[in-house]
C-alpha atoms as a PDB file:
ATOM      1  CA  MET A   1     113.388  92.367  94.815  1.00  0.00           C
ATOM      2  CA  ASP A   2     115.028  91.264  98.061  1.00  0.00           C
ATOM      3  CA  ILE A   3     114.394  94.107 100.510  1.00  0.00           C
ATOM      4  CA  SER A   4     117.280  93.254 102.827  1.00  0.00           C
ATOM      5  CA  GLY A   5     119.650  96.220 102.963  1.00  0.00           C
ATOM      6  CA  LYS A   6     117.396  98.349 100.775  1.00  0.00           C
ATOM      7  CA  SER A   7     116.565 101.993 101.486  1.00  0.00           C
ATOM      8  CA  ILE A   8     112.788 102.290 101.807  1.00  0.00           C
ATOM      9  CA  VAL A   9     110.489 105.283 102.303  1.00  0.00           C
ATOM     10  CA  ILE A  10     106.948 104.616 103.534  1.00  0.00           C
ATOM     11  CA  THR A  11     104.369 107.402 103.586  1.00  0.00           C
ATOM     12  CA  GLY A  12     101.582 107.148 106.120  1.00  0.00           C
ATOM     13  CA  GLY A  13     103.960 104.888 108.009  1.00  0.00           C
ATOM     14  CA  ALA A  14     102.994 105.853 111.544  1.00  0.00           C
ATOM     15  CA  SER A  15      99.917 103.638 111.795  1.00  0.00           C
ATOM     16  CA  GLY A  16      97.900 100.897 110.162  1.00  0.00           C
ATOM     17  CA  ILE A  17      99.280  99.228 107.042  1.00  0.00           C
ATOM     18  CA  GLY A  18     102.177 101.680 106.844  1.00  0.00           C
ATOM     19  CA  ALA A  19     103.405 100.866 110.339  1.00  0.00           C
ATOM     20  CA  ALA A  20     103.099  97.138 109.658  1.00  0.00           C
ATOM     21  CA  LEU A  21     105.063  97.565 106.432  1.00  0.00           C
ATOM     22  CA  ALA A  22     107.776  99.469 108.304  1.00  0.00           C
ATOM     23  CA  ARG A  23     108.101  96.875 111.056  1.00  0.00           C
ATOM     24  CA  GLN A  24     108.280  93.949 108.650  1.00  0.00           C
ATOM     25  CA  ALA A  25     110.732  95.710 106.349  1.00  0.00           C
ATOM     26  CA  ALA A  26     113.059  96.524 109.230  1.00  0.00           C
ATOM     27  CA  LYS A  27     112.837  92.943 110.486  1.00  0.00           C
ATOM     28  CA  ALA A  28     113.883  91.798 107.001  1.00  0.00           C
ATOM     29  CA  GLY A  29     116.978  94.018 107.179  1.00  0.00           C
ATOM     30  CA  ALA A  30     115.789  97.076 105.273  1.00  0.00           C
ATOM     31  CA  LYS A  31     116.663 100.667 106.153  1.00  0.00           C
ATOM     32  CA  VAL A  32     113.359 102.432 106.705  1.00  0.00           C
ATOM     33  CA  CYS A  33     112.288 106.071 106.581  1.00  0.00           C
ATOM     34  CA  ILE A  34     108.798 106.650 107.970  1.00  0.00           C
ATOM     35  CA  ALA A  35     107.125 109.730 106.479  1.00  0.00           C
ATOM     36  CA  ASP A  36     103.904 110.804 108.140  1.00  0.00           C
ATOM     37  CA  LEU A  37     101.821 113.834 109.059  1.00  0.00           C
ATOM     38  CA  ASN A  38     102.154 112.719 112.687  1.00  0.00           C
ATOM     39  CA  ARG A  39     105.871 113.230 113.271  1.00  0.00           C
ATOM     40  CA  GLU A  40     105.691 112.133 116.910  1.00  0.00           C
ATOM     41  CA  ALA A  41     103.985 108.827 116.109  1.00  0.00           C
ATOM     42  CA  ALA A  42     106.372 108.226 113.214  1.00  0.00           C
ATOM     43  CA  GLN A  43     109.352 108.854 115.488  1.00  0.00           C
ATOM     44  CA  ALA A  44     108.044 106.376 118.059  1.00  0.00           C
ATOM     45  CA  ILE A  45     107.926 103.593 115.462  1.00  0.00           C
ATOM     46  CA  ALA A  46     111.255 104.623 113.953  1.00  0.00           C
ATOM     47  CA  GLU A  47     112.893 104.266 117.352  1.00  0.00           C
ATOM     48  CA  GLN A  48     111.392 100.796 117.742  1.00  0.00           C
ATOM     49  CA  ILE A  49     112.746  99.564 114.401  1.00  0.00           C
ATOM     50  CA  GLY A  50     115.996 101.509 114.087  1.00  0.00           C
ATOM     51  CA  GLY A  51     114.768 103.718 111.263  1.00  0.00           C
ATOM     52  CA  ILE A  52     114.278 107.442 110.809  1.00  0.00           C
ATOM     53  CA  ALA A  53     111.143 109.576 110.813  1.00  0.00           C
ATOM     54  CA  VAL A  54     110.198 112.721 108.936  1.00  0.00           C
ATOM     55  CA  ALA A  55     107.133 114.934 109.005  1.00  0.00           C
ATOM     56  CA  CYS A  56     105.444 114.709 105.623  1.00  0.00           C
ATOM     57  CA  ASP A  57     102.223 116.067 104.181  1.00  0.00           C
ATOM     58  CA  VAL A  58     101.874 114.107 100.940  1.00  0.00           C
ATOM     59  CA  THR A  59      99.611 116.791  99.469  1.00  0.00           C
ATOM     60  CA  ARG A  60     102.763 118.923  99.126  1.00  0.00           C
ATOM     61  CA  GLU A  61     105.362 117.876  96.567  1.00  0.00           C
ATOM     62  CA  ARG A  62     108.099 119.627  98.536  1.00  0.00           C
ATOM     63  CA  ASP A  63     107.402 117.433 101.575  1.00  0.00           C
ATOM     64  CA  ILE A  64     107.783 114.265  99.513  1.00  0.00           C
ATOM     65  CA  ILE A  65     111.049 115.556  98.071  1.00  0.00           C
ATOM     66  CA  ALA A  66     112.263 116.417 101.584  1.00  0.00           C
ATOM     67  CA  ALA A  67     111.417 112.915 102.821  1.00  0.00           C
ATOM     68  CA  ILE A  68     113.389 111.400  99.940  1.00  0.00           C
ATOM     69  CA  GLU A  69     116.347 113.660 100.671  1.00  0.00           C
ATOM     70  CA  ALA A  70     116.295 112.741 104.377  1.00  0.00           C
ATOM     71  CA  ALA A  71     116.222 109.031 103.521  1.00  0.00           C
ATOM     72  CA  GLU A  72     119.110 109.408 101.084  1.00  0.00           C
ATOM     73  CA  ILE A  73     121.241 111.243 103.639  1.00  0.00           C
ATOM     74  CA  ALA A  74     120.585 108.550 106.245  1.00  0.00           C
ATOM     75  CA  HIS A  75     120.420 105.409 104.126  1.00  0.00           C
ATOM     76  CA  GLY A  76     121.650 106.109 100.604  1.00  0.00           C
ATOM     77  CA  PRO A  77     119.640 106.202  97.359  1.00  0.00           C
ATOM     78  CA  VAL A  78     116.003 105.190  97.775  1.00  0.00           C
ATOM     79  CA  ASP A  79     115.423 101.715  96.393  1.00  0.00           C
ATOM     80  CA  ILE A  80     111.730 101.350  97.229  1.00  0.00           C
ATOM     81  CA  PHE A  81     109.141 104.081  97.689  1.00  0.00           C
ATOM     82  CA  VAL A  82     105.856 103.054  99.267  1.00  0.00           C
ATOM     83  CA  SER A  83     103.026 105.524  98.632  1.00  0.00           C
ATOM     84  CA  ASN A  84     100.746 104.331 101.400  1.00  0.00           C
ATOM     85  CA  ALA A  85      99.110 107.469 102.813  1.00  0.00           C
ATOM     86  CA  GLY A  86      95.367 107.501 102.271  1.00  0.00           C
ATOM     87  CA  LEU A  87      92.052 108.791 103.527  1.00  0.00           C
ATOM     88  CA  GLY A  88      88.314 108.347 103.176  1.00  0.00           C
ATOM     89  CA  ARG A  89      85.649 110.997 103.755  1.00  0.00           C
ATOM     90  CA  GLY A  90      82.517 109.401 102.286  1.00  0.00           C
ATOM     91  CA  ASP A  91      79.666 110.932 100.307  1.00  0.00           C
ATOM     92  CA  PRO A  92      77.612 113.412 102.369  1.00  0.00           C
ATOM     93  CA  SER A  93      74.492 112.400 100.431  1.00  0.00           C
ATOM     94  CA  HIS A  94      74.333 111.741  96.669  1.00  0.00           C
ATOM     95  CA  ALA A  95      77.296 110.507  94.610  1.00  0.00           C
ATOM     96  CA  ALA A  96      78.396 114.019  93.593  1.00  0.00           C
ATOM     97  CA  SER A  97      77.756 115.659  96.965  1.00  0.00           C
ATOM     98  CA  ALA A  98      81.314 115.815  98.327  1.00  0.00           C
ATOM     99  CA  PRO A  99      82.731 119.349  98.178  1.00  0.00           C
ATOM    100  CA  ASP A 100      85.519 120.252  95.792  1.00  0.00           C
ATOM    101  CA  SER A 101      87.920 120.416  98.732  1.00  0.00           C
ATOM    102  CA  ASP A 102      87.328 116.713  99.461  1.00  0.00           C
ATOM    103  CA  TRP A 103      87.797 115.799  95.814  1.00  0.00           C
ATOM    104  CA  LEU A 104      91.040 117.753  95.645  1.00  0.00           C
ATOM    105  CA  LEU A 105      92.310 116.184  98.868  1.00  0.00           C
ATOM    106  CA  ASN A 106      91.558 112.685  97.573  1.00  0.00           C
ATOM    107  CA  TRP A 107      93.225 113.529  94.264  1.00  0.00           C
ATOM    108  CA  ASN A 108      96.385 114.864  95.870  1.00  0.00           C
ATOM    109  CA  VAL A 109      96.740 112.054  98.431  1.00  0.00           C
ATOM    110  CA  HIS A 110      95.789 109.109  96.229  1.00  0.00           C
ATOM    111  CA  VAL A 111      97.205 110.220  92.884  1.00  0.00           C
ATOM    112  CA  MET A 112      99.491 113.239  92.882  1.00  0.00           C
ATOM    113  CA  ALA A 113     101.496 111.969  95.864  1.00  0.00           C
ATOM    114  CA  HIS A 114     102.352 108.922  93.737  1.00  0.00           C
ATOM    115  CA  VAL A 115     103.176 111.130  90.759  1.00  0.00           C
ATOM    116  CA  TRP A 116     105.429 113.426  92.817  1.00  0.00           C
ATOM    117  CA  ALA A 117     107.355 110.482  94.261  1.00  0.00           C
ATOM    118  CA  ALA A 118     107.922 109.026  90.809  1.00  0.00           C
ATOM    119  CA  ARG A 119     108.892 112.428  89.402  1.00  0.00           C
ATOM    120  CA  ALA A 120     111.533 112.833  92.099  1.00  0.00           C
ATOM    121  CA  LEU A 121     112.942 109.302  91.943  1.00  0.00           C
ATOM    122  CA  LEU A 122     112.608 107.998  88.386  1.00  0.00           C
ATOM    123  CA  PRO A 123     115.593 109.772  86.775  1.00  0.00           C
ATOM    124  CA  ALA A 124     118.116 108.352  89.253  1.00  0.00           C
ATOM    125  CA  MET A 125     116.426 104.942  89.330  1.00  0.00           C
ATOM    126  CA  ILE A 126     116.530 104.736  85.529  1.00  0.00           C
ATOM    127  CA  THR A 127     120.205 105.673  85.560  1.00  0.00           C
ATOM    128  CA  ARG A 128     120.909 102.936  88.133  1.00  0.00           C
ATOM    129  CA  GLY A 129     118.675 100.468  86.316  1.00  0.00           C
ATOM    130  CA  SER A 130     116.796  99.566  89.483  1.00  0.00           C
ATOM    131  CA  GLY A 131     114.086 100.778  91.831  1.00  0.00           C
ATOM    132  CA  HIS A 132     110.597  99.834  92.902  1.00  0.00           C
ATOM    133  CA  PHE A 133     107.387 101.777  93.512  1.00  0.00           C
ATOM    134  CA  VAL A 134     104.739 100.301  95.780  1.00  0.00           C
ATOM    135  CA  ASN A 135     101.534 102.273  95.290  1.00  0.00           C
ATOM    136  CA  VAL A 136      98.877 101.348  97.811  1.00  0.00           C
ATOM    137  CA  ALA A 137      95.505 101.705  96.123  1.00  0.00           C
ATOM    138  CA  SER A 138      92.464  99.634  97.100  1.00  0.00           C
ATOM    139  CA  ALA A 139      90.097  97.006  95.809  1.00  0.00           C
ATOM    140  CA  ALA A 140      87.973 100.093  95.138  1.00  0.00           C
ATOM    141  CA  GLY A 141      90.513 100.931  92.436  1.00  0.00           C
ATOM    142  CA  LEU A 142      89.524  97.752  90.608  1.00  0.00           C
ATOM    143  CA  LEU A 143      85.902  97.617  91.736  1.00  0.00           C
ATOM    144  CA  ASN A 144      84.127 100.398  93.648  1.00  0.00           C
ATOM    145  CA  GLN A 145      83.568 101.652  97.188  1.00  0.00           C
ATOM    146  CA  ILE A 146      79.878 102.265  97.656  1.00  0.00           C
ATOM    147  CA  GLY A 147      79.355 105.509  99.537  1.00  0.00           C
ATOM    148  CA  ASP A 148      82.664 107.207  98.713  1.00  0.00           C
ATOM    149  CA  THR A 149      82.793 108.336  95.104  1.00  0.00           C
ATOM    150  CA  ALA A 150      85.913 110.498  95.397  1.00  0.00           C
ATOM    151  CA  TYR A 151      87.800 107.647  97.037  1.00  0.00           C
ATOM    152  CA  SER A 152      86.785 105.174  94.322  1.00  0.00           C
ATOM    153  CA  ALA A 153      87.551 107.525  91.440  1.00  0.00           C
ATOM    154  CA  THR A 154      91.005 108.458  92.715  1.00  0.00           C
ATOM    155  CA  LYS A 155      91.905 104.868  93.606  1.00  0.00           C
ATOM    156  CA  HIS A 156      91.059 103.909  90.023  1.00  0.00           C
ATOM    157  CA  ALA A 157      93.407 106.678  88.902  1.00  0.00           C
ATOM    158  CA  ALA A 158      96.105 105.348  91.237  1.00  0.00           C
ATOM    159  CA  VAL A 159      95.889 101.915  89.618  1.00  0.00           C
ATOM    160  CA  SER A 160      96.068 103.486  86.162  1.00  0.00           C
ATOM    161  CA  PHE A 161      99.113 105.563  87.053  1.00  0.00           C
ATOM    162  CA  ALA A 162     100.925 102.508  88.429  1.00  0.00           C
ATOM    163  CA  GLU A 163     100.141 100.657  85.211  1.00  0.00           C
ATOM    164  CA  SER A 164     101.570 103.522  83.146  1.00  0.00           C
ATOM    165  CA  LEU A 165     104.746 103.511  85.224  1.00  0.00           C
ATOM    166  CA  LEU A 166     105.330  99.845  84.559  1.00  0.00           C
ATOM    167  CA  ILE A 167     104.430 100.013  80.868  1.00  0.00           C
ATOM    168  CA  SER A 168     106.794 102.949  80.314  1.00  0.00           C
ATOM    169  CA  HIS A 169     109.710 101.973  82.549  1.00  0.00           C
ATOM    170  CA  GLY A 170     109.618  98.259  83.304  1.00  0.00           C
ATOM    171  CA  HIS A 171     112.232  97.633  80.597  1.00  0.00           C
ATOM    172  CA  GLU A 172     114.538 100.105  82.377  1.00  0.00           C
ATOM    173  CA  GLY A 173     114.716  98.059  85.558  1.00  0.00           C
ATOM    174  CA  ILE A 174     111.850  99.808  87.356  1.00  0.00           C
ATOM    175  CA  GLY A 175     109.498  97.585  89.339  1.00  0.00           C
ATOM    176  CA  VAL A 176     105.961  98.647  90.199  1.00  0.00           C
ATOM    177  CA  SER A 177     103.438  97.047  92.509  1.00  0.00           C
ATOM    178  CA  VAL A 178      99.929  98.345  93.109  1.00  0.00           C
ATOM    179  CA  VAL A 179      98.263  97.037  96.267  1.00  0.00           C
ATOM    180  CA  CYS A 180      94.485  96.528  96.177  1.00  0.00           C
ATOM    181  CA  PRO A 181      93.143  95.210  99.490  1.00  0.00           C
ATOM    182  CA  GLN A 182      89.526  95.152 100.564  1.00  0.00           C
ATOM    183  CA  TYR A 183      88.744  95.877 104.208  1.00  0.00           C
ATOM    184  CA  VAL A 184      91.567  95.973 106.757  1.00  0.00           C
ATOM    185  CA  ALA A 185      91.335  96.448 110.517  1.00  0.00           C
ATOM    186  CA  THR A 186      93.086  99.825 110.721  1.00  0.00           C
ATOM    187  CA  PRO A 187      92.388 103.235 112.306  1.00  0.00           C
ATOM    188  CA  LEU A 188      90.976 104.358 108.928  1.00  0.00           C
ATOM    189  CA  LEU A 189      87.948 102.178 109.725  1.00  0.00           C
ATOM    190  CA  GLY A 190      88.170 102.763 113.455  1.00  0.00           C
ATOM    191  CA  LEU A 191      89.324  99.152 113.964  1.00  0.00           C
ATOM    192  CA  SER A 192      92.318  97.313 115.396  1.00  0.00           C
ATOM    193  CA  ASP A 193      93.887  93.862 114.983  1.00  0.00           C
ATOM    194  CA  GLY A 194      91.512  92.454 117.577  1.00  0.00           C
ATOM    195  CA  ASP A 195      88.579  93.167 115.269  1.00  0.00           C
ATOM    196  CA  ALA A 196      90.002  91.132 112.386  1.00  0.00           C
ATOM    197  CA  GLN A 197      88.079  88.019 111.446  1.00  0.00           C
ATOM    198  CA  GLY A 198      86.881  86.335 108.294  1.00  0.00           C
ATOM    199  CA  ASN A 199      87.471  88.610 105.318  1.00  0.00           C
ATOM    200  CA  LEU A 200      88.668  91.473 107.536  1.00  0.00           C
ATOM    201  CA  LEU A 201      92.474  91.280 107.537  1.00  0.00           C
ATOM    202  CA  THR A 202      95.003  92.782 109.922  1.00  0.00           C
ATOM    203  CA  ALA A 203      97.508  95.373 108.745  1.00  0.00           C
ATOM    204  CA  GLY A 204     100.185  92.755 109.297  1.00  0.00           C
ATOM    205  CA  ASP A 205      98.437  90.357 106.928  1.00  0.00           C
ATOM    206  CA  VAL A 206      98.434  93.007 104.220  1.00  0.00           C
ATOM    207  CA  ALA A 207     102.060  93.966 104.836  1.00  0.00           C
ATOM    208  CA  LYS A 208     103.119  90.344 104.498  1.00  0.00           C
ATOM    209  CA  SER A 209     101.336  90.147 101.128  1.00  0.00           C
ATOM    210  CA  VAL A 210     102.985  93.372  99.995  1.00  0.00           C
ATOM    211  CA  TRP A 211     106.546  92.337 100.749  1.00  0.00           C
ATOM    212  CA  GLN A 212     105.985  88.917  99.206  1.00  0.00           C
ATOM    213  CA  GLY A 213     104.616  90.648  96.132  1.00  0.00           C
ATOM    214  CA  VAL A 214     107.659  92.906  95.917  1.00  0.00           C
ATOM    215  CA  ALA A 215     109.949  89.878  96.247  1.00  0.00           C
ATOM    216  CA  ASP A 216     108.054  88.208  93.390  1.00  0.00           C
ATOM    217  CA  ASN A 217     107.878  91.423  91.325  1.00  0.00           C
ATOM    218  CA  THR A 218     104.074  91.170  91.271  1.00  0.00           C
ATOM    219  CA  PHE A 219     102.223  94.080  89.703  1.00  0.00           C
ATOM    220  CA  VAL A 220      98.734  93.762  91.217  1.00  0.00           C
ATOM    221  CA  ILE A 221      98.999  92.582  94.826  1.00  0.00           C
ATOM    222  CA  LEU A 222      95.706  91.243  96.173  1.00  0.00           C
ATOM    223  CA  PRO A 223      95.776  90.530  99.913  1.00  0.00           C
ATOM    224  CA  HIS A 224      92.135  89.449  99.484  1.00  0.00           C
ATOM    225  CA  PRO A 225      92.281  86.858  96.650  1.00  0.00           C
ATOM    226  CA  ASP A 226      88.512  87.116  96.022  1.00  0.00           C
ATOM    227  CA  VAL A 227      89.093  90.541  94.473  1.00  0.00           C
ATOM    228  CA  ALA A 228      90.513  88.834  91.381  1.00  0.00           C
ATOM    229  CA  LYS A 229      87.247  86.931  90.955  1.00  0.00           C
ATOM    230  CA  TYR A 230      85.137  90.067  91.408  1.00  0.00           C
ATOM    231  CA  SER A 231      87.288  92.000  88.957  1.00  0.00           C
ATOM    232  CA  ALA A 232      86.918  89.256  86.364  1.00  0.00           C
ATOM    233  CA  LEU A 233      83.141  89.258  86.811  1.00  0.00           C
ATOM    234  CA  ARG A 234      83.073  93.034  86.440  1.00  0.00           C
ATOM    235  CA  GLY A 235      85.002  92.842  83.185  1.00  0.00           C
ATOM    236  CA  ALA A 236      83.005  89.939  81.776  1.00  0.00           C
ATOM    237  CA  ASP A 237      79.549  91.377  82.413  1.00  0.00           C
ATOM    238  CA  PRO A 238      79.533  95.026  83.565  1.00  0.00           C
ATOM    239  CA  THR A 239      75.724  95.254  83.577  1.00  0.00           C
ATOM    240  CA  ARG A 240      75.360  92.244  85.860  1.00  0.00           C
ATOM    241  CA  TRP A 241      78.104  93.535  88.122  1.00  0.00           C
ATOM    242  CA  ILE A 242      76.443  96.961  88.466  1.00  0.00           C
ATOM    243  CA  LYS A 243      73.160  95.272  89.383  1.00  0.00           C
ATOM    244  CA  GLY A 244      74.971  93.242  92.027  1.00  0.00           C
ATOM    245  CA  MET A 245      76.525  96.370  93.504  1.00  0.00           C
ATOM    246  CA  GLN A 246      73.128  98.072  93.520  1.00  0.00           C
ATOM    247  CA  MET A 247      71.788  95.105  95.467  1.00  0.00           C
ATOM    248  CA  LEU A 248      74.677  95.357  97.931  1.00  0.00           C
ATOM    249  CA  ARG A 249      73.926  99.047  98.442  1.00  0.00           C
ATOM    250  CA  ALA A 250      70.258  98.265  99.024  1.00  0.00           C
ATOM    251  CA  LYS A 251      71.242  95.566 101.519  1.00  0.00           C
ATOM    252  CA  ALA A 252      73.359  98.057 103.456  1.00  0.00           C
ATOM    253  CA  LEU A 253      70.460 100.495 103.618  1.00  0.00           C
ATOM    254  CA  SER A 254      68.050  97.772 104.659  1.00  0.00           C
ATOM    255  CA  GLU A 255      70.251  96.340 107.405  1.00  0.00           C
ATOM    256  CA  THR A 256      71.824  99.503 108.816  1.00  0.00           C
ATOM    257  CA  GLY A 257      69.625 102.350 107.609  1.00  0.00           C
ATOM    258  CA  SER A 258      72.571 104.207 106.112  1.00  0.00           C
ATOM    259  CA  ILE A 259      75.564 103.889 103.822  1.00  0.00           C
ATOM    260  CA  SER A 260      78.480 103.537 106.216  1.00  0.00           C
ATOM    261  CA  VAL A 261      81.774 102.860 104.482  1.00  0.00           C
ATOM    262  CA  ALA A 262      83.278 101.654 107.763  1.00  0.00           C
ATOM    263  CA  GLY A 263      80.561  99.030 108.109  1.00  0.00           C
ATOM    264  CA  PHE A 264      80.709  97.493 104.637  1.00  0.00           C
ATOM    265  CA  TYR A 265      83.246  94.871 105.690  1.00  0.00           C
ATOM    266  CA  LYS A 266      80.387  93.129 107.513  1.00  0.00           C
ATOM    267  CA  LEU A 267      78.467  92.723 104.264  1.00  0.00           C
ATOM    268  CA  VAL A 268      81.138  91.282 101.960  1.00  0.00           C
END
């Protein structure tokens, strides 16, 4: 899909990958609605790119519907919805130690927010015979994030939901892309573009991969190409892959004394 002239909504668009997606989309001629918990930050970016901003808590279906309605009033029917908002809390101790509130938050942000967007938009998109969902998951949705079980589990669910969307509605003109990056220099990891090196990408790098993937109608977008190799290894020999991940976890403990999700980019 050529994004020029398209009406696009981006959740979590006030910083990190979302902000980079918004800037690049606007530069390509798209009409952008930035939906974010931080209305002030979203407005600042919207003013820079000539878009609009709305306050949006993606854990509430009504907020997602309101963001869609605001975008449609300003820019016409939504052509592309980018479910980008995300979070990571980490495991307090053992793999099941996160409280139910953290599990529910991960579930609502990483899965139900995608479901609610599709629920609101699919009927009209099917009628028009066009539309595209960009669901930002993670390499953890194909592999695993050591030290954050709720994140990994819900990112796997996000990938599965995107797959179901495309299986069920691809023949009706609906495009779906699921984005599965590894580590990115964003505020989520307490990093900025200046920290990017080696396998640590900038938000702009990821955004470029996303929009190219949308243009090519790619389902699984991998800003880090090595993820395809790791995923193939996981599928070919799950036992070997688990042992490798156990070794990586042990390495993290040995070198840092703790399991820090934010520090894993230094080990891969």
